[in-house]
C-alpha atoms as a PDB file:
ATOM      1  CA  MET A   1     -17.757  82.957  19.275  1.00  0.00           C
ATOM      2  CA  GLN A   2     -15.720  79.928  18.338  1.00  0.00           C
ATOM      3  CA  ASP A   3     -12.957  80.932  20.751  1.00  0.00           C
ATOM      4  CA  LEU A   4     -15.531  80.854  23.645  1.00  0.00           C
ATOM      5  CA  VAL A   5     -16.856  77.437  22.447  1.00  0.00           C
ATOM      6  CA  ASP A   6     -13.196  76.183  22.517  1.00  0.00           C
ATOM      7  CA  LEU A   7     -12.589  77.777  25.858  1.00  0.00           C
ATOM      8  CA  HIS A   8     -15.723  76.205  27.233  1.00  0.00           C
ATOM      9  CA  ARG A   9     -14.614  72.879  25.963  1.00  0.00           C
ATOM     10  CA  ALA A  10     -11.266  73.241  27.597  1.00  0.00           C
ATOM     11  CA  VAL A  11     -12.554  74.503  30.921  1.00  0.00           C
ATOM     12  CA  SER A  12     -15.263  71.871  31.137  1.00  0.00           C
ATOM     13  CA  THR A  13     -12.857  69.132  30.265  1.00  0.00           C
ATOM     14  CA  GLU A  14     -10.204  70.232  32.747  1.00  0.00           C
ATOM     15  CA  PHE A  15     -12.543  71.136  35.688  1.00  0.00           C
ATOM     16  CA  GLY A  16     -15.669  69.141  34.993  1.00  0.00           C
ATOM     17  CA  GLY A  17     -18.701  69.848  37.022  1.00  0.00           C
ATOM     18  CA  HIS A  18     -21.935  67.887  37.338  1.00  0.00           C
ATOM     19  CA  GLN A  19     -23.703  69.652  34.419  1.00  0.00           C
ATOM     20  CA  ALA A  20     -20.645  70.424  32.211  1.00  0.00           C
ATOM     21  CA  GLN A  21     -21.148  69.345  28.603  1.00  0.00           C
ATOM     22  CA  PRO A  22     -18.005  70.531  26.855  1.00  0.00           C
ATOM     23  CA  GLY A  23     -18.645  72.893  23.975  1.00  0.00           C
ATOM     24  CA  VAL A  24     -22.437  72.414  23.855  1.00  0.00           C
ATOM     25  CA  VAL A  25     -24.063  75.745  23.110  1.00  0.00           C
ATOM     26  CA  GLU A  26     -27.601  75.985  24.495  1.00  0.00           C
ATOM     27  CA  SER A  27     -28.227  79.595  23.332  1.00  0.00           C
ATOM     28  CA  GLN A  28     -26.645  80.949  20.219  1.00  0.00           C
ATOM     29  CA  PHE A  29     -28.356  84.257  20.923  1.00  0.00           C
ATOM     30  CA  GLY A  30     -26.791  84.403  24.420  1.00  0.00           C
ATOM     31  CA  LEU A  31     -23.443  83.606  23.061  1.00  0.00           C
ATOM     32  CA  LEU A  32     -23.618  86.225  20.331  1.00  0.00           C
ATOM     33  CA  ASN A  33     -25.072  88.743  22.769  1.00  0.00           C
ATOM     34  CA  ALA A  34     -22.075  88.318  25.204  1.00  0.00           C
ATOM     35  CA  VAL A  35     -19.552  88.572  22.382  1.00  0.00           C
ATOM     36  CA  GLN A  36     -21.127  91.730  20.899  1.00  0.00           C
ATOM     37  CA  ARG A  37     -22.043  93.400  24.163  1.00  0.00           C
ATOM     38  CA  PRO A  38     -18.779  95.260  24.700  1.00  0.00           C
ATOM     39  CA  GLN A  39     -18.981  96.720  21.187  1.00  0.00           C
ATOM     40  CA  ILE A  40     -22.458  98.268  21.478  1.00  0.00           C
ATOM     41  CA  THR A  41     -22.859 101.860  20.388  1.00  0.00           C
ATOM     42  CA  THR A  42     -25.754 104.236  21.143  1.00  0.00           C
ATOM     43  CA  LEU A  43     -26.330 107.288  18.978  1.00  0.00           C
ATOM     44  CA  GLY A  44     -22.789 106.850  17.612  1.00  0.00           C
ATOM     45  CA  ARG A  45     -21.152 106.679  21.091  1.00  0.00           C
ATOM     46  CA  GLU A  46     -19.801 103.546  22.833  1.00  0.00           C
ATOM     47  CA  ALA A  47     -22.247 102.298  25.464  1.00  0.00           C
ATOM     48  CA  TYR A  48     -19.239 100.937  27.490  1.00  0.00           C
ATOM     49  CA  ALA A  49     -16.482 103.485  26.982  1.00  0.00           C
ATOM     50  CA  THR A  50     -13.779 102.239  29.342  1.00  0.00           C
ATOM     51  CA  PHE A  51     -11.963  98.835  29.267  1.00  0.00           C
ATOM     52  CA  PRO A  52     -13.398  97.832  32.713  1.00  0.00           C
ATOM     53  CA  GLU A  53     -16.887  98.630  31.451  1.00  0.00           C
ATOM     54  CA  LYS A  54     -16.394  96.473  28.397  1.00  0.00           C
ATOM     55  CA  VAL A  55     -15.061  93.597  30.479  1.00  0.00           C
ATOM     56  CA  ALA A  56     -18.016  93.923  32.922  1.00  0.00           C
ATOM     57  CA  ALA A  57     -20.492  93.999  30.053  1.00  0.00           C
ATOM     58  CA  PHE A  58     -18.982  91.002  28.406  1.00  0.00           C
ATOM     59  CA  ILE A  59     -18.765  88.811  31.542  1.00  0.00           C
ATOM     60  CA  PHE A  60     -22.171  89.993  32.876  1.00  0.00           C
ATOM     61  CA  ALA A  61     -23.799  88.958  29.496  1.00  0.00           C
ATOM     62  CA  LEU A  62     -22.097  85.576  29.721  1.00  0.00           C
ATOM     63  CA  LEU A  63     -23.358  85.057  33.313  1.00  0.00           C
ATOM     64  CA  SER A  64     -26.873  86.413  32.585  1.00  0.00           C
ATOM     65  CA  TYR A  65     -27.628  84.559  29.323  1.00  0.00           C
ATOM     66  CA  ARG A  66     -25.857  81.255  30.292  1.00  0.00           C
ATOM     67  CA  PRO A  67     -25.238  80.336  26.652  1.00  0.00           C
ATOM     68  CA  PHE A  68     -23.681  76.873  27.427  1.00  0.00           C
ATOM     69  CA  ARG A  69     -25.277  73.747  28.893  1.00  0.00           C
ATOM     70  CA  GLY A  70     -23.456  73.975  32.266  1.00  0.00           C
ATOM     71  CA  GLY A  71     -20.143  75.471  33.135  1.00  0.00           C
ATOM     72  CA  ASN A  72     -21.085  79.082  32.470  1.00  0.00           C
ATOM     73  CA  ARG A  73     -19.591  80.537  35.632  1.00  0.00           C
ATOM     74  CA  ARG A  74     -16.232  78.609  35.072  1.00  0.00           C
ATOM     75  CA  LEU A  75     -16.310  79.850  31.509  1.00  0.00           C
ATOM     76  CA  ALA A  76     -16.869  83.469  32.641  1.00  0.00           C
ATOM     77  CA  LEU A  77     -13.982  83.322  35.045  1.00  0.00           C
ATOM     78  CA  ALA A  78     -11.613  81.886  32.404  1.00  0.00           C
ATOM     79  CA  SER A  79     -12.925  84.411  29.952  1.00  0.00           C
ATOM     80  CA  LEU A  80     -12.290  87.202  32.346  1.00  0.00           C
ATOM     81  CA  PHE A  81      -8.633  86.375  32.763  1.00  0.00           C
ATOM     82  CA  ALA A  82      -8.182  85.713  29.016  1.00  0.00           C
ATOM     83  CA  PHE A  83      -9.927  88.986  28.030  1.00  0.00           C
ATOM     84  CA  VAL A  84      -7.763  91.111  30.273  1.00  0.00           C
ATOM     85  CA  GLN A  85      -4.512  89.261  29.345  1.00  0.00           C
ATOM     86  CA  LEU A  86      -5.201  89.663  25.646  1.00  0.00           C
ATOM     87  CA  ASN A  87      -5.410  93.371  26.247  1.00  0.00           C
ATOM     88  CA  ASN A  88      -2.188  93.555  28.151  1.00  0.00           C
ATOM     89  CA  ARG A  89      -3.810  93.894  31.599  1.00  0.00           C
ATOM     90  CA  THR A  90      -4.180  91.738  34.656  1.00  0.00           C
ATOM     91  CA  ILE A  91      -6.550  91.202  37.536  1.00  0.00           C
ATOM     92  CA  ASP A  92      -5.354  92.256  40.949  1.00  0.00           C
ATOM     93  CA  THR A  93      -6.349  89.166  42.945  1.00  0.00           C
ATOM     94  CA  ARG A  94      -5.928  91.071  46.209  1.00  0.00           C
ATOM     95  CA  VAL A  95      -8.898  93.162  45.028  1.00  0.00           C
ATOM     96  CA  PHE A  96     -10.791  90.432  43.098  1.00  0.00           C
ATOM     97  CA  ASP A  97     -10.083  87.335  45.246  1.00  0.00           C
ATOM     98  CA  GLU A  98     -11.694  83.917  44.954  1.00  0.00           C
ATOM     99  CA  LYS A  99     -14.506  84.698  47.499  1.00  0.00           C
ATOM    100  CA  THR A 100     -15.355  87.956  45.813  1.00  0.00           C
ATOM    101  CA  ALA A 101     -15.399  86.356  42.423  1.00  0.00           C
ATOM    102  CA  GLU A 102     -17.665  83.537  43.616  1.00  0.00           C
ATOM    103  CA  THR A 103     -20.118  85.806  45.346  1.00  0.00           C
ATOM    104  CA  LEU A 104     -20.378  88.260  42.437  1.00  0.00           C
ATOM    105  CA  PHE A 105     -20.594  85.548  39.679  1.00  0.00           C
ATOM    106  CA  LYS A 106     -23.369  83.772  41.709  1.00  0.00           C
ATOM    107  CA  LYS A 107     -25.285  87.052  41.935  1.00  0.00           C
ATOM    108  CA  ALA A 108     -24.880  87.818  38.314  1.00  0.00           C
ATOM    109  CA  ALA A 109     -25.859  84.314  37.150  1.00  0.00           C
ATOM    110  CA  GLY A 110     -28.871  84.202  39.412  1.00  0.00           C
ATOM    111  CA  HIS A 111     -30.061  87.774  39.746  1.00  0.00           C
ATOM    112  CA  ARG A 112     -33.431  86.930  38.081  1.00  0.00           C
ATOM    113  CA  GLU A 113     -34.119  84.123  40.508  1.00  0.00           C
ATOM    114  CA  MET A 114     -33.007  86.306  43.398  1.00  0.00           C
ATOM    115  CA  GLY A 115     -35.100  89.312  42.306  1.00  0.00           C
ATOM    116  CA  ILE A 116     -32.123  91.619  42.037  1.00  0.00           C
ATOM    117  CA  PRO A 117     -32.348  94.179  39.340  1.00  0.00           C
ATOM    118  CA  PRO A 118     -29.713  93.555  36.630  1.00  0.00           C
ATOM    119  CA  GLU A 119     -28.576  97.170  36.683  1.00  0.00           C
ATOM    120  CA  ASN A 120     -27.617  96.807  40.416  1.00  0.00           C
ATOM    121  CA  ILE A 121     -25.510  93.712  39.650  1.00  0.00           C
ATOM    122  CA  PHE A 122     -23.995  95.234  36.590  1.00  0.00           C
ATOM    123  CA  ARG A 123     -23.051  98.413  38.532  1.00  0.00           C
ATOM    124  CA  GLU A 124     -21.376  96.302  41.269  1.00  0.00           C
ATOM    125  CA  PHE A 125     -19.598  94.292  38.635  1.00  0.00           C
ATOM    126  CA  ARG A 126     -18.412  97.500  36.737  1.00  0.00           C
ATOM    127  CA  GLU A 127     -17.100  99.060  39.914  1.00  0.00           C
ATOM    128  CA  MET A 128     -15.221  95.950  40.921  1.00  0.00           C
ATOM    129  CA  MET A 129     -13.658  95.636  37.452  1.00  0.00           C
ATOM    130  CA  SER A 130     -12.584  99.291  37.645  1.00  0.00           C
ATOM    131  CA  ARG A 131     -10.688  98.529  40.845  1.00  0.00           C
ATOM    132  CA  ALA A 132      -9.382  95.101  39.972  1.00  0.00           C
ATOM    133  CA  ILE A 133      -8.012  95.571  36.321  1.00  0.00           C
ATOM    134  CA  VAL A 134      -4.505  96.861  36.249  1.00  0.00           C
ATOM    135  CA  SER A 135      -1.916  97.257  33.498  1.00  0.00           C
ATOM    136  CA  ALA A 136       0.296  94.198  33.129  1.00  0.00           C
END
């Protein structure tokens, strides 16, 4: 959790934004949920068995729960690249380009307001991560 607070602080300081408050956690529950989401098991089996599913679960939880006071989408994007890099993978930016990322992140962050079922957004995110994440 502290790594995400530090990353939020760095991203907010570097890129700003009109609501960015570097390192200010608004929802400890949301932050904990995002960190723990990829590790969930159900009846002794991993809920998210593949690496792209784990990435999608983590980033979707960050975007859905908005644990920080501003800058959650910027944090999610930085976290996405950090998560895959820490696991010796990379994002193919020809598949997951800037426009695709912006559209998907906005949908994930605002699915409640837009009336889109979360499972639809998560499915889209999972499929995109399956195509975009490649070995480094």
